Amino acid sequence: MSKRTPFLFFIILIVSTIPLPKANALGIGPPSFEIDLQVGGSNSTTFYITSDGLEGQLIVGMENLPFRFDPPRVNMSKNDVNAPVEITFYGNETLEPGVYEGKVTLLAYTGGSIAMGIKIKAKINLLDEVQEEEPESDDDETNEASEDETDTSNPYLIGGLAGVAIAAGFAAIFMWWKRR
């Protein structure tokens, strides 16, 4: 063991314990949805937003979906945690009934520029006949279970993985140095 070994261990310890800067993060769930929409009618779906450090607006858009929607913009604050956002789709009377697949795009507009964007897969069943609604069940547990399945991501995961990668890099350098 050389005289440099304790020094290298000290450097690795210092670097691996330094907290990484907190990155702004945006989580939107669920990652996909499917709704039935009557020709000339409307239907809504709810997304859940978690904003960690981002404050501004979400600009809502569509890819390959020929439907009107509302609202086109949604306000977000830097401390939103699973904040519900309802988007309403309107049936286009000029379209043939069928299945339309595409994406809903949500762009985070903050500080005068687009910070990031998220795409959500969408499947919209355009129906021309009125369907009878199924009676709602009195079982609240099924509704609670679907709310609990909302996909939320951990914004600190990337920082932890970066710390592990840095420590592994230092260990590789140390092993190379030791063999010299």
C-alpha atoms as a PDB file:
ATOM      1  CA  MET A   1       0.000   0.000   0.000  1.00  0.00           C
ATOM      2  CA  SER A   2       1.481   3.301  -1.036  1.00  0.00           C
ATOM      3  CA  LYS A   3       1.403   6.632   0.759  1.00  0.00           C
ATOM      4  CA  ARG A   4      -1.236   7.843  -1.687  1.00  0.00           C
ATOM      5  CA  THR A   5      -3.824   5.193  -0.771  1.00  0.00           C
ATOM      6  CA  PRO A   6      -5.211   6.915   2.366  1.00  0.00           C
ATOM      7  CA  PHE A   7      -5.372  10.181   0.440  1.00  0.00           C
ATOM      8  CA  LEU A   8      -7.369   8.519  -2.373  1.00  0.00           C
ATOM      9  CA  PHE A   9      -9.775   6.958   0.123  1.00  0.00           C
ATOM     10  CA  PHE A  10     -10.249  10.387   1.686  1.00  0.00           C
ATOM     11  CA  ILE A  11     -10.973  11.993  -1.712  1.00  0.00           C
ATOM     12  CA  ILE A  12     -13.438   9.221  -2.633  1.00  0.00           C
ATOM     13  CA  LEU A  13     -15.203   9.627   0.707  1.00  0.00           C
ATOM     14  CA  ILE A  14     -15.487  13.401   0.306  1.00  0.00           C
ATOM     15  CA  VAL A  15     -16.728  13.262  -3.290  1.00  0.00           C
ATOM     16  CA  SER A  16     -19.255  10.486  -2.649  1.00  0.00           C
ATOM     17  CA  THR A  17     -20.829  12.330   0.301  1.00  0.00           C
ATOM     18  CA  ILE A  18     -21.156  15.741  -1.368  1.00  0.00           C
ATOM     19  CA  PRO A  19     -24.846  16.345  -2.071  1.00  0.00           C
ATOM     20  CA  LEU A  20     -25.641  16.790  -5.727  1.00  0.00           C
ATOM     21  CA  PRO A  21     -27.485  19.921  -6.795  1.00  0.00           C
ATOM     22  CA  LYS A  22     -31.234  19.461  -6.813  1.00  0.00           C
ATOM     23  CA  ALA A  23     -32.627  19.239 -10.323  1.00  0.00           C
ATOM     24  CA  ASN A  24     -36.043  20.547 -11.211  1.00  0.00           C
ATOM     25  CA  ALA A  25     -38.386  17.679 -11.929  1.00  0.00           C
ATOM     26  CA  LEU A  26     -41.823  17.184 -13.390  1.00  0.00           C
ATOM     27  CA  GLY A  27     -43.922  14.057 -13.062  1.00  0.00           C
ATOM     28  CA  ILE A  28     -47.242  13.522 -14.815  1.00  0.00           C
ATOM     29  CA  GLY A  29     -49.358  10.407 -14.599  1.00  0.00           C
ATOM     30  CA  PRO A  30     -50.849   8.155 -15.662  1.00  0.00           C
ATOM     31  CA  PRO A  31     -48.537   7.437 -18.628  1.00  0.00           C
ATOM     32  CA  SER A  32     -51.483   6.495 -20.879  1.00  0.00           C
ATOM     33  CA  PHE A  33     -55.264   6.659 -20.971  1.00  0.00           C
ATOM     34  CA  GLU A  34     -58.278   5.509 -22.955  1.00  0.00           C
ATOM     35  CA  ILE A  35     -61.659   7.250 -23.127  1.00  0.00           C
ATOM     36  CA  ASP A  36     -64.919   6.881 -25.028  1.00  0.00           C
ATOM     37  CA  LEU A  37     -66.138  10.011 -26.782  1.00  0.00           C
ATOM     38  CA  GLN A  38     -69.476  10.562 -28.516  1.00  0.00           C
ATOM     39  CA  VAL A  39     -69.591  12.321 -31.884  1.00  0.00           C
ATOM     40  CA  GLY A  40     -70.614  15.875 -30.960  1.00  0.00           C
ATOM     41  CA  GLY A  41     -70.181  15.155 -27.243  1.00  0.00           C
ATOM     42  CA  SER A  42     -67.446  15.574 -24.679  1.00  0.00           C
ATOM     43  CA  ASN A  43     -65.581  13.518 -22.103  1.00  0.00           C
ATOM     44  CA  SER A  44     -62.859  14.327 -19.581  1.00  0.00           C
ATOM     45  CA  THR A  45     -59.859  12.605 -18.090  1.00  0.00           C
ATOM     46  CA  THR A  46     -57.691  13.583 -15.148  1.00  0.00           C
ATOM     47  CA  PHE A  47     -53.904  13.752 -14.978  1.00  0.00           C
ATOM     48  CA  TYR A  48     -51.869  14.199 -11.819  1.00  0.00           C
ATOM     49  CA  ILE A  49     -48.950  16.641 -11.776  1.00  0.00           C
ATOM     50  CA  THR A  50     -45.983  16.605  -9.425  1.00  0.00           C
ATOM     51  CA  SER A  51     -43.707  19.599  -9.880  1.00  0.00           C
ATOM     52  CA  ASP A  52     -40.534  19.740  -7.854  1.00  0.00           C
ATOM     53  CA  GLY A  53     -38.941  23.116  -8.419  1.00  0.00           C
ATOM     54  CA  LEU A  54     -40.750  24.118 -11.632  1.00  0.00           C
ATOM     55  CA  GLU A  55     -43.189  26.996 -11.590  1.00  0.00           C
ATOM     56  CA  GLY A  56     -45.053  28.322 -14.608  1.00  0.00           C
ATOM     57  CA  GLN A  57     -47.507  26.822 -17.068  1.00  0.00           C
ATOM     58  CA  LEU A  58     -48.044  23.518 -18.812  1.00  0.00           C
ATOM     59  CA  ILE A  59     -48.888  23.994 -22.479  1.00  0.00           C
ATOM     60  CA  VAL A  60     -51.234  21.207 -23.564  1.00  0.00           C
ATOM     61  CA  GLY A  61     -51.082  19.911 -27.134  1.00  0.00           C
ATOM     62  CA  MET A  62     -51.912  16.867 -29.258  1.00  0.00           C
ATOM     63  CA  GLU A  63     -50.097  14.612 -31.700  1.00  0.00           C
ATOM     64  CA  ASN A  64     -52.203  12.683 -34.224  1.00  0.00           C
ATOM     65  CA  LEU A  65     -55.471  13.360 -32.369  1.00  0.00           C
ATOM     66  CA  PRO A  66     -58.019  15.396 -34.380  1.00  0.00           C
ATOM     67  CA  PHE A  67     -60.065  16.583 -31.391  1.00  0.00           C
ATOM     68  CA  ARG A  68     -60.598  19.903 -29.671  1.00  0.00           C
ATOM     69  CA  PHE A  69     -59.657  20.020 -25.997  1.00  0.00           C
ATOM     70  CA  ASP A  70     -59.784  22.379 -23.075  1.00  0.00           C
ATOM     71  CA  PRO A  71     -57.831  23.926 -21.303  1.00  0.00           C
ATOM     72  CA  PRO A  72     -54.864  24.725 -23.574  1.00  0.00           C
ATOM     73  CA  ARG A  73     -52.716  25.862 -20.598  1.00  0.00           C
ATOM     74  CA  VAL A  74     -52.531  24.787 -16.957  1.00  0.00           C
ATOM     75  CA  ASN A  75     -50.800  26.675 -14.141  1.00  0.00           C
ATOM     76  CA  MET A  76     -48.326  24.761 -11.976  1.00  0.00           C
ATOM     77  CA  SER A  77     -46.480  25.714  -8.833  1.00  0.00           C
ATOM     78  CA  LYS A  78     -43.111  24.453  -7.656  1.00  0.00           C
ATOM     79  CA  ASN A  79     -44.659  22.493  -4.786  1.00  0.00           C
ATOM     80  CA  ASP A  80     -47.450  20.614  -6.616  1.00  0.00           C
ATOM     81  CA  VAL A  81     -47.755  16.995  -5.491  1.00  0.00           C
ATOM     82  CA  ASN A  82     -50.298  14.893  -7.387  1.00  0.00           C
ATOM     83  CA  ALA A  83     -52.305  18.006  -8.269  1.00  0.00           C
ATOM     84  CA  PRO A  84     -55.288  16.934 -10.409  1.00  0.00           C
ATOM     85  CA  VAL A  85     -55.687  18.492 -13.848  1.00  0.00           C
ATOM     86  CA  GLU A  86     -58.810  17.722 -15.853  1.00  0.00           C
ATOM     87  CA  ILE A  87     -58.673  17.845 -19.648  1.00  0.00           C
ATOM     88  CA  THR A  88     -61.914  17.746 -21.628  1.00  0.00           C
ATOM     89  CA  PHE A  89     -62.038  16.370 -25.178  1.00  0.00           C
ATOM     90  CA  TYR A  90     -64.779  17.271 -27.654  1.00  0.00           C
ATOM     91  CA  GLY A  91     -66.072  14.876 -30.317  1.00  0.00           C
ATOM     92  CA  ASN A  92     -65.489  16.040 -33.865  1.00  0.00           C
ATOM     93  CA  GLU A  93     -68.661  15.645 -35.946  1.00  0.00           C
ATOM     94  CA  THR A  94     -66.705  15.535 -39.220  1.00  0.00           C
ATOM     95  CA  LEU A  95     -64.796  12.373 -38.235  1.00  0.00           C
ATOM     96  CA  GLU A  96     -65.823   8.801 -38.795  1.00  0.00           C
ATOM     97  CA  PRO A  97     -66.450   6.783 -35.630  1.00  0.00           C
ATOM     98  CA  GLY A  98     -63.485   4.613 -34.736  1.00  0.00           C
ATOM     99  CA  VAL A  99     -60.373   4.346 -32.623  1.00  0.00           C
ATOM    100  CA  TYR A 100     -57.926   7.251 -32.690  1.00  0.00           C
ATOM    101  CA  GLU A 101     -54.495   6.829 -31.136  1.00  0.00           C
ATOM    102  CA  GLY A 102     -51.955   9.560 -30.508  1.00  0.00           C
ATOM    103  CA  LYS A 103     -50.329  11.515 -27.732  1.00  0.00           C
ATOM    104  CA  VAL A 104     -51.177  14.381 -25.423  1.00  0.00           C
ATOM    105  CA  THR A 105     -48.119  16.610 -25.041  1.00  0.00           C
ATOM    106  CA  LEU A 106     -47.483  18.663 -21.918  1.00  0.00           C
ATOM    107  CA  LEU A 107     -44.693  21.251 -22.180  1.00  0.00           C
ATOM    108  CA  ALA A 108     -43.437  22.962 -19.018  1.00  0.00           C
ATOM    109  CA  TYR A 109     -43.086  26.668 -19.831  1.00  0.00           C
ATOM    110  CA  THR A 110     -41.114  28.406 -17.107  1.00  0.00           C
ATOM    111  CA  GLY A 111     -38.761  31.358 -17.017  1.00  0.00           C
ATOM    112  CA  GLY A 112     -39.585  32.391 -20.588  1.00  0.00           C
ATOM    113  CA  SER A 113     -38.644  29.062 -22.194  1.00  0.00           C
ATOM    114  CA  ILE A 114     -39.690  25.438 -22.440  1.00  0.00           C
ATOM    115  CA  ALA A 115     -37.965  23.561 -19.600  1.00  0.00           C
ATOM    116  CA  MET A 116     -39.118  20.045 -20.503  1.00  0.00           C
ATOM    117  CA  GLY A 117     -41.958  18.086 -22.040  1.00  0.00           C
ATOM    118  CA  ILE A 118     -43.871  14.879 -21.385  1.00  0.00           C
ATOM    119  CA  LYS A 119     -45.971  12.823 -23.803  1.00  0.00           C
ATOM    120  CA  ILE A 120     -48.887  10.686 -22.673  1.00  0.00           C
ATOM    121  CA  LYS A 121     -50.240   7.920 -24.903  1.00  0.00           C
ATOM    122  CA  ALA A 122     -53.909   8.386 -25.719  1.00  0.00           C
ATOM    123  CA  LYS A 123     -56.552   6.091 -27.167  1.00  0.00           C
ATOM    124  CA  ILE A 124     -59.877   7.770 -27.928  1.00  0.00           C
ATOM    125  CA  ASN A 125     -62.830   5.664 -29.037  1.00  0.00           C
ATOM    126  CA  LEU A 126     -65.100   7.914 -31.103  1.00  0.00           C
ATOM    127  CA  LEU A 127     -68.641   6.523 -30.911  1.00  0.00           C
ATOM    128  CA  ASP A 128     -71.643   7.515 -32.994  1.00  0.00           C
ATOM    129  CA  GLU A 129     -74.349   5.911 -30.866  1.00  0.00           C
ATOM    130  CA  VAL A 130     -75.258   6.674 -27.300  1.00  0.00           C
ATOM    131  CA  GLN A 131     -74.149   3.943 -24.922  1.00  0.00           C
ATOM    132  CA  GLU A 132     -75.851   3.242 -21.641  1.00  0.00           C
ATOM    133  CA  GLU A 133     -73.738   4.094 -18.654  1.00  0.00           C
ATOM    134  CA  GLU A 134     -72.913   1.302 -16.274  1.00  0.00           C
ATOM    135  CA  PRO A 135     -74.288   1.826 -12.785  1.00  0.00           C
ATOM    136  CA  GLU A 136     -71.639   2.992 -10.343  1.00  0.00           C
ATOM    137  CA  SER A 137     -70.762   0.558  -7.617  1.00  0.00           C
ATOM    138  CA  ASP A 138     -70.945   1.544  -3.973  1.00  0.00           C
ATOM    139  CA  ASP A 139     -67.529   0.000  -3.385  1.00  0.00           C
ATOM    140  CA  ASP A 140     -65.218   2.926  -2.601  1.00  0.00           C
ATOM    141  CA  GLU A 141     -62.201   0.626  -2.343  1.00  0.00           C
ATOM    142  CA  THR A 142     -62.023   0.150  -6.121  1.00  0.00           C
ATOM    143  CA  ASN A 143     -61.949   3.920  -6.661  1.00  0.00           C
ATOM    144  CA  GLU A 144     -59.248   4.355  -4.015  1.00  0.00           C
ATOM    145  CA  ALA A 145     -57.144   1.597  -5.563  1.00  0.00           C
ATOM    146  CA  SER A 146     -57.175   3.265  -8.980  1.00  0.00           C
ATOM    147  CA  GLU A 147     -56.105   6.583  -7.427  1.00  0.00           C
ATOM    148  CA  ASP A 148     -53.229   4.881  -5.603  1.00  0.00           C
ATOM    149  CA  GLU A 149     -51.888   3.461  -8.875  1.00  0.00           C
ATOM    150  CA  THR A 150     -50.992   6.932 -10.189  1.00  0.00           C
ATOM    151  CA  ASP A 151     -47.471   6.870 -11.552  1.00  0.00           C
ATOM    152  CA  THR A 152     -45.232   9.294  -9.690  1.00  0.00           C
ATOM    153  CA  SER A 153     -41.513   9.369 -10.226  1.00  0.00           C
ATOM    154  CA  ASN A 154     -38.776  10.034  -7.701  1.00  0.00           C
ATOM    155  CA  PRO A 155     -36.759  13.063  -8.833  1.00  0.00           C
ATOM    156  CA  TYR A 156     -33.899  12.140  -6.480  1.00  0.00           C
ATOM    157  CA  LEU A 157     -33.245   8.786  -8.151  1.00  0.00           C
ATOM    158  CA  ILE A 158     -30.988  10.306 -10.812  1.00  0.00           C
ATOM    159  CA  GLY A 159     -28.861  12.059  -8.177  1.00  0.00           C
ATOM    160  CA  GLY A 160     -28.380   8.811  -6.252  1.00  0.00           C
ATOM    161  CA  LEU A 161     -27.418   6.940  -9.401  1.00  0.00           C
ATOM    162  CA  ALA A 162     -24.968   9.684 -10.330  1.00  0.00           C
ATOM    163  CA  GLY A 163     -23.344   9.384  -6.898  1.00  0.00           C
ATOM    164  CA  VAL A 164     -22.922   5.634  -7.333  1.00  0.00           C
ATOM    165  CA  ALA A 165     -21.433   6.147 -10.808  1.00  0.00           C
ATOM    166  CA  ILE A 166     -18.947   8.713  -9.488  1.00  0.00           C
ATOM    167  CA  ALA A 167     -17.889   6.398  -6.656  1.00  0.00           C
ATOM    168  CA  ALA A 168     -17.453   3.518  -9.133  1.00  0.00           C
ATOM    169  CA  GLY A 169     -15.335   5.754 -11.350  1.00  0.00           C
ATOM    170  CA  PHE A 170     -13.087   6.692  -8.461  1.00  0.00           C
ATOM    171  CA  ALA A 171     -12.785   3.045  -7.458  1.00  0.00           C
ATOM    172  CA  ALA A 172     -11.725   2.167 -11.029  1.00  0.00           C
ATOM    173  CA  ILE A 173      -9.125   4.944 -11.010  1.00  0.00           C
ATOM    174  CA  PHE A 174      -7.859   3.753  -7.657  1.00  0.00           C
ATOM    175  CA  MET A 175      -7.514   0.145  -8.899  1.00  0.00           C
ATOM    176  CA  TRP A 176      -5.665   1.345 -11.988  1.00  0.00           C
ATOM    177  CA  TRP A 177      -3.393   3.513  -9.885  1.00  0.00           C
ATOM    178  CA  LYS A 178      -2.671   0.665  -7.496  1.00  0.00           C
ATOM    179  CA  ARG A 179      -1.540  -1.611 -10.340  1.00  0.00           C
ATOM    180  CA  ARG A 180       0.974   0.949 -11.612  1.00  0.00           C
END
